[in-house]
Amino acid sequence: ELESRASALSRRHASTDYDDTNIDANDQNAQSDQTEAVEKPYSSLYEKTIQYNREASTLAAEQQHRERLEQIEMLHQKEQKVFDQLPPLDPTVTCDAIHQYLSTTSQFLNSYIADANASLEGTSHKLSVLEKQMSLLESKLESIPGLFSEDEEQSVNATDQDNIIDNVAEG
């Protein structure tokens, strides 16, 4: 009986044509289904972890914000207790304080402007001295024979004439 069954199975197997590509495709599909089944729980776990971290950071920020608001409220209440016990300032005291602030600020600004103007005038004076020294140096260099060619001498003479005219106009 076993032999008859084995022969029947072998005949059935021989009569059925198996396509190797279909078997490979079926194996690949089965493997991809298995990897998807494995990846999906991990990817959803990863997404849940990210969502949890976002919620935790949001909750932490909200908690810090609430604590800060509570601190500000407590400080405000303390200030109110202190200022409620004090009598209001006299208007003359308030005006004197504002006047002192304005006069101190204007004195500072006036001294700053005076220092800036003095520095600017000093720089301007230094530049004018430097220009005069440069014109003297140019005239000394012109007096040396053969130092410049004739073309250069003509351009230097024209420059000197412009400088002399500028110096006469300034001075």
C-alpha atoms as a PDB file:
ATOM      1  CA  GLU A   1       0.000   0.000   0.000  1.00  0.00           C
ATOM      2  CA  LEU A   2       2.821   2.367   0.783  1.00  0.00           C
ATOM      3  CA  GLU A   3       4.395   1.625  -2.556  1.00  0.00           C
ATOM      4  CA  SER A   4       1.183   2.447  -4.369  1.00  0.00           C
ATOM      5  CA  ARG A   5       0.899   5.728  -2.556  1.00  0.00           C
ATOM      6  CA  ALA A   6       4.538   6.590  -3.277  1.00  0.00           C
ATOM      7  CA  SER A   7       4.120   5.765  -6.936  1.00  0.00           C
ATOM      8  CA  ALA A   8       0.936   7.838  -7.104  1.00  0.00           C
ATOM      9  CA  LEU A   9       2.746  10.796  -5.558  1.00  0.00           C
ATOM     10  CA  SER A  10       5.663  10.439  -7.916  1.00  0.00           C
ATOM     11  CA  ARG A  11       3.304  10.307 -10.904  1.00  0.00           C
ATOM     12  CA  ARG A  12       1.443  13.358  -9.673  1.00  0.00           C
ATOM     13  CA  HIS A  13       4.738  15.174  -9.142  1.00  0.00           C
ATOM     14  CA  ALA A  14       5.970  14.194 -12.586  1.00  0.00           C
ATOM     15  CA  SER A  15       2.743  15.263 -14.250  1.00  0.00           C
ATOM     16  CA  THR A  16       2.722  18.711 -12.610  1.00  0.00           C
ATOM     17  CA  ASP A  17       5.061  21.214 -14.234  1.00  0.00           C
ATOM     18  CA  TYR A  18       6.596  23.582 -11.673  1.00  0.00           C
ATOM     19  CA  ASP A  19       7.857  26.889 -12.887  1.00  0.00           C
ATOM     20  CA  ASP A  20      11.019  27.866 -11.005  1.00  0.00           C
ATOM     21  CA  THR A  21      10.418  31.586 -11.575  1.00  0.00           C
ATOM     22  CA  ASN A  22       6.982  31.351  -9.985  1.00  0.00           C
ATOM     23  CA  ILE A  23       8.455  29.535  -7.018  1.00  0.00           C
ATOM     24  CA  ASP A  24      11.170  32.207  -6.654  1.00  0.00           C
ATOM     25  CA  ALA A  25       8.608  34.987  -6.974  1.00  0.00           C
ATOM     26  CA  ASN A  26       6.391  33.307  -4.406  1.00  0.00           C
ATOM     27  CA  ASP A  27       9.367  32.932  -2.065  1.00  0.00           C
ATOM     28  CA  GLN A  28      10.270  36.607  -2.503  1.00  0.00           C
ATOM     29  CA  ASN A  29       6.679  37.678  -1.849  1.00  0.00           C
ATOM     30  CA  ALA A  30       6.595  35.565   1.274  1.00  0.00           C
ATOM     31  CA  GLN A  31       9.906  37.041   2.434  1.00  0.00           C
ATOM     32  CA  SER A  32       8.770  40.618   1.760  1.00  0.00           C
ATOM     33  CA  ASP A  33       5.531  39.945   3.639  1.00  0.00           C
ATOM     34  CA  GLN A  34       7.575  38.681   6.553  1.00  0.00           C
ATOM     35  CA  THR A  35       9.928  41.707   6.508  1.00  0.00           C
ATOM     36  CA  GLU A  36       6.975  44.081   6.244  1.00  0.00           C
ATOM     37  CA  ALA A  37       5.377  42.347   9.176  1.00  0.00           C
ATOM     38  CA  VAL A  38       8.631  42.755  11.094  1.00  0.00           C
ATOM     39  CA  GLU A  39       9.286  46.361   9.957  1.00  0.00           C
ATOM     40  CA  LYS A  40       5.785  47.665  10.558  1.00  0.00           C
ATOM     41  CA  PRO A  41       5.810  47.134  14.317  1.00  0.00           C
ATOM     42  CA  TYR A  42       9.270  48.698  14.563  1.00  0.00           C
ATOM     43  CA  SER A  43       8.375  51.668  12.368  1.00  0.00           C
ATOM     44  CA  SER A  44       5.196  52.274  14.326  1.00  0.00           C
ATOM     45  CA  LEU A  45       7.218  51.975  17.536  1.00  0.00           C
ATOM     46  CA  TYR A  46       9.683  54.524  16.144  1.00  0.00           C
ATOM     47  CA  GLU A  47       6.823  56.855  15.194  1.00  0.00           C
ATOM     48  CA  LYS A  48       5.281  56.412  18.627  1.00  0.00           C
ATOM     49  CA  THR A  49       8.639  57.209  20.237  1.00  0.00           C
ATOM     50  CA  ILE A  50       8.978  60.377  18.168  1.00  0.00           C
ATOM     51  CA  GLN A  51       5.413  61.393  19.018  1.00  0.00           C
ATOM     52  CA  TYR A  52       6.037  60.701  22.707  1.00  0.00           C
ATOM     53  CA  ASN A  53       9.233  62.783  22.631  1.00  0.00           C
ATOM     54  CA  ARG A  54       7.380  65.657  20.967  1.00  0.00           C
ATOM     55  CA  GLU A  55       4.616  65.493  23.530  1.00  0.00           C
ATOM     56  CA  ALA A  56       7.137  65.272  26.376  1.00  0.00           C
ATOM     57  CA  SER A  57       9.077  68.307  25.130  1.00  0.00           C
ATOM     58  CA  THR A  58       5.830  70.226  24.651  1.00  0.00           C
ATOM     59  CA  LEU A  59       4.697  69.287  28.144  1.00  0.00           C
ATOM     60  CA  ALA A  60       8.067  70.285  29.587  1.00  0.00           C
ATOM     61  CA  ALA A  61       7.905  73.652  27.819  1.00  0.00           C
ATOM     62  CA  GLU A  62       4.357  74.209  29.056  1.00  0.00           C
ATOM     63  CA  GLN A  63       5.411  73.273  32.590  1.00  0.00           C
ATOM     64  CA  GLN A  64       8.321  75.745  32.473  1.00  0.00           C
ATOM     65  CA  HIS A  65       6.000  78.415  31.122  1.00  0.00           C
ATOM     66  CA  ARG A  66       3.495  77.793  33.937  1.00  0.00           C
ATOM     67  CA  GLU A  67       6.259  77.926  36.554  1.00  0.00           C
ATOM     68  CA  ARG A  68       7.570  81.183  35.109  1.00  0.00           C
ATOM     69  CA  LEU A  69       4.073  82.698  35.124  1.00  0.00           C
ATOM     70  CA  GLU A  70       3.648  81.654  38.756  1.00  0.00           C
ATOM     71  CA  GLN A  71       6.980  83.280  39.668  1.00  0.00           C
ATOM     72  CA  ILE A  72       5.991  86.500  37.906  1.00  0.00           C
ATOM     73  CA  GLU A  73       2.613  86.507  39.641  1.00  0.00           C
ATOM     74  CA  MET A  74       4.247  86.013  43.051  1.00  0.00           C
ATOM     75  CA  LEU A  75       6.704  88.840  42.358  1.00  0.00           C
ATOM     76  CA  HIS A  76       3.850  91.099  41.280  1.00  0.00           C
ATOM     77  CA  GLN A  77       1.956  90.318  44.482  1.00  0.00           C
ATOM     78  CA  LYS A  78       5.040  91.104  46.594  1.00  0.00           C
ATOM     79  CA  GLU A  79       5.498  94.416  44.788  1.00  0.00           C
ATOM     80  CA  GLN A  80       1.848  95.270  45.314  1.00  0.00           C
ATOM     81  CA  LYS A  81       2.177  94.599  49.044  1.00  0.00           C
ATOM     82  CA  VAL A  82       5.212  96.891  49.274  1.00  0.00           C
ATOM     83  CA  PHE A  83       3.785  99.680  47.135  1.00  0.00           C
ATOM     84  CA  ASP A  84       0.351  99.524  48.736  1.00  0.00           C
ATOM     85  CA  GLN A  85       1.956 100.326  52.077  1.00  0.00           C
ATOM     86  CA  LEU A  86       3.802 103.369  50.729  1.00  0.00           C
ATOM     87  CA  PRO A  87       2.044 106.686  50.274  1.00  0.00           C
ATOM     88  CA  PRO A  88       1.997 108.055  46.713  1.00  0.00           C
ATOM     89  CA  LEU A  89       4.867 110.315  45.689  1.00  0.00           C
ATOM     90  CA  ASP A  90       4.420 114.044  45.876  1.00  0.00           C
ATOM     91  CA  PRO A  91       4.142 115.590  42.383  1.00  0.00           C
ATOM     92  CA  THR A  92       7.082 117.917  43.091  1.00  0.00           C
ATOM     93  CA  VAL A  93       9.298 114.928  43.918  1.00  0.00           C
ATOM     94  CA  THR A  94       8.279 113.262  40.668  1.00  0.00           C
ATOM     95  CA  CYS A  95       8.990 116.438  38.687  1.00  0.00           C
ATOM     96  CA  ASP A  96      12.368 116.852  40.429  1.00  0.00           C
ATOM     97  CA  ALA A  97      13.348 113.265  39.577  1.00  0.00           C
ATOM     98  CA  ILE A  98      12.383 113.729  35.925  1.00  0.00           C
ATOM     99  CA  HIS A  99      14.215 117.069  35.792  1.00  0.00           C
ATOM    100  CA  GLN A 100      17.363 115.497  37.295  1.00  0.00           C
ATOM    101  CA  TYR A 101      17.252 112.679  34.746  1.00  0.00           C
ATOM    102  CA  LEU A 102      16.832 115.055  31.803  1.00  0.00           C
ATOM    103  CA  SER A 103      19.566 117.448  32.926  1.00  0.00           C
ATOM    104  CA  THR A 104      22.044 114.609  33.579  1.00  0.00           C
ATOM    105  CA  THR A 105      21.314 113.071  30.191  1.00  0.00           C
ATOM    106  CA  SER A 106      21.651 116.388  28.350  1.00  0.00           C
ATOM    107  CA  GLN A 107      24.956 117.143  30.139  1.00  0.00           C
ATOM    108  CA  PHE A 108      26.310 113.770  29.091  1.00  0.00           C
ATOM    109  CA  LEU A 109      25.234 114.256  25.480  1.00  0.00           C
ATOM    110  CA  ASN A 110      26.690 117.789  25.362  1.00  0.00           C
ATOM    111  CA  SER A 111      30.055 116.601  26.686  1.00  0.00           C
ATOM    112  CA  TYR A 112      30.052 113.710  24.209  1.00  0.00           C
ATOM    113  CA  ILE A 113      29.375 116.078  21.299  1.00  0.00           C
ATOM    114  CA  ALA A 114      32.133 118.443  22.488  1.00  0.00           C
ATOM    115  CA  ASP A 115      34.623 115.551  22.658  1.00  0.00           C
ATOM    116  CA  ALA A 116      33.604 114.340  19.197  1.00  0.00           C
ATOM    117  CA  ASN A 117      33.991 117.848  17.721  1.00  0.00           C
ATOM    118  CA  ALA A 118      37.423 118.280  19.346  1.00  0.00           C
ATOM    119  CA  SER A 119      38.531 114.936  17.951  1.00  0.00           C
ATOM    120  CA  LEU A 120      37.250 115.876  14.498  1.00  0.00           C
ATOM    121  CA  GLU A 121      39.029 119.247  14.586  1.00  0.00           C
ATOM    122  CA  GLY A 122      42.265 117.545  15.673  1.00  0.00           C
ATOM    123  CA  THR A 123      42.018 115.090  12.803  1.00  0.00           C
ATOM    124  CA  SER A 124      41.271 117.900  10.356  1.00  0.00           C
ATOM    125  CA  HIS A 125      44.313 119.858  11.575  1.00  0.00           C
ATOM    126  CA  LYS A 126      46.534 116.770  11.250  1.00  0.00           C
ATOM    127  CA  LEU A 127      45.321 116.225   7.674  1.00  0.00           C
ATOM    128  CA  SER A 128      46.060 119.841   6.684  1.00  0.00           C
ATOM    129  CA  VAL A 129      49.591 119.571   8.167  1.00  0.00           C
ATOM    130  CA  LEU A 130      50.102 116.318   6.257  1.00  0.00           C
ATOM    131  CA  GLU A 131      48.969 117.933   2.980  1.00  0.00           C
ATOM    132  CA  LYS A 132      51.432 120.811   3.450  1.00  0.00           C
ATOM    133  CA  GLN A 133      54.263 118.383   4.214  1.00  0.00           C
ATOM    134  CA  MET A 134      53.404 116.371   1.103  1.00  0.00           C
ATOM    135  CA  SER A 135      53.494 119.506  -1.074  1.00  0.00           C
ATOM    136  CA  LEU A 136      56.909 120.454   0.404  1.00  0.00           C
ATOM    137  CA  LEU A 137      58.205 116.954  -0.292  1.00  0.00           C
ATOM    138  CA  GLU A 138      56.949 117.096  -3.869  1.00  0.00           C
ATOM    139  CA  SER A 139      58.644 120.466  -4.435  1.00  0.00           C
ATOM    140  CA  LYS A 140      61.919 119.103  -3.009  1.00  0.00           C
ATOM    141  CA  LEU A 141      61.692 116.059  -5.275  1.00  0.00           C
ATOM    142  CA  GLU A 142      61.104 118.318  -8.287  1.00  0.00           C
ATOM    143  CA  SER A 143      64.235 120.286  -7.504  1.00  0.00           C
ATOM    144  CA  ILE A 144      66.396 117.186  -7.990  1.00  0.00           C
ATOM    145  CA  PRO A 145      67.489 117.234 -11.665  1.00  0.00           C
ATOM    146  CA  GLY A 146      66.920 114.099 -13.744  1.00  0.00           C
ATOM    147  CA  LEU A 147      64.723 112.386 -11.166  1.00  0.00           C
ATOM    148  CA  PHE A 148      61.648 112.557 -13.368  1.00  0.00           C
ATOM    149  CA  SER A 149      61.375 112.416 -17.133  1.00  0.00           C
ATOM    150  CA  GLU A 150      59.895 115.452 -18.911  1.00  0.00           C
ATOM    151  CA  ASP A 151      56.392 113.903 -19.228  1.00  0.00           C
ATOM    152  CA  GLU A 152      56.290 113.167 -15.524  1.00  0.00           C
ATOM    153  CA  GLU A 153      57.596 116.666 -14.725  1.00  0.00           C
ATOM    154  CA  GLN A 154      54.759 118.247 -16.657  1.00  0.00           C
ATOM    155  CA  SER A 155      52.149 116.206 -14.773  1.00  0.00           C
ATOM    156  CA  VAL A 156      53.894 116.953 -11.441  1.00  0.00           C
ATOM    157  CA  ASN A 157      54.025 120.689 -12.292  1.00  0.00           C
ATOM    158  CA  ALA A 158      50.313 120.674 -13.072  1.00  0.00           C
ATOM    159  CA  THR A 159      49.631 118.914  -9.760  1.00  0.00           C
ATOM    160  CA  ASP A 160      51.818 121.413  -7.896  1.00  0.00           C
ATOM    161  CA  GLN A 161      50.016 124.327  -9.471  1.00  0.00           C
ATOM    162  CA  ASP A 162      46.696 122.834  -8.343  1.00  0.00           C
ATOM    163  CA  ASN A 163      48.081 122.381  -4.804  1.00  0.00           C
ATOM    164  CA  ILE A 164      49.406 125.944  -4.686  1.00  0.00           C
ATOM    165  CA  ILE A 165      46.030 127.269  -5.824  1.00  0.00           C
ATOM    166  CA  ASP A 166      44.285 125.156  -3.156  1.00  0.00           C
ATOM    167  CA  ASN A 167      46.703 126.333  -0.436  1.00  0.00           C
ATOM    168  CA  VAL A 168      46.230 129.984  -1.407  1.00  0.00           C
ATOM    169  CA  ALA A 169      42.451 129.545  -1.442  1.00  0.00           C
ATOM    170  CA  GLU A 170      42.516 127.910   2.022  1.00  0.00           C
ATOM    171  CA  GLY A 171      45.013 130.117   3.647  1.00  0.00           C
END
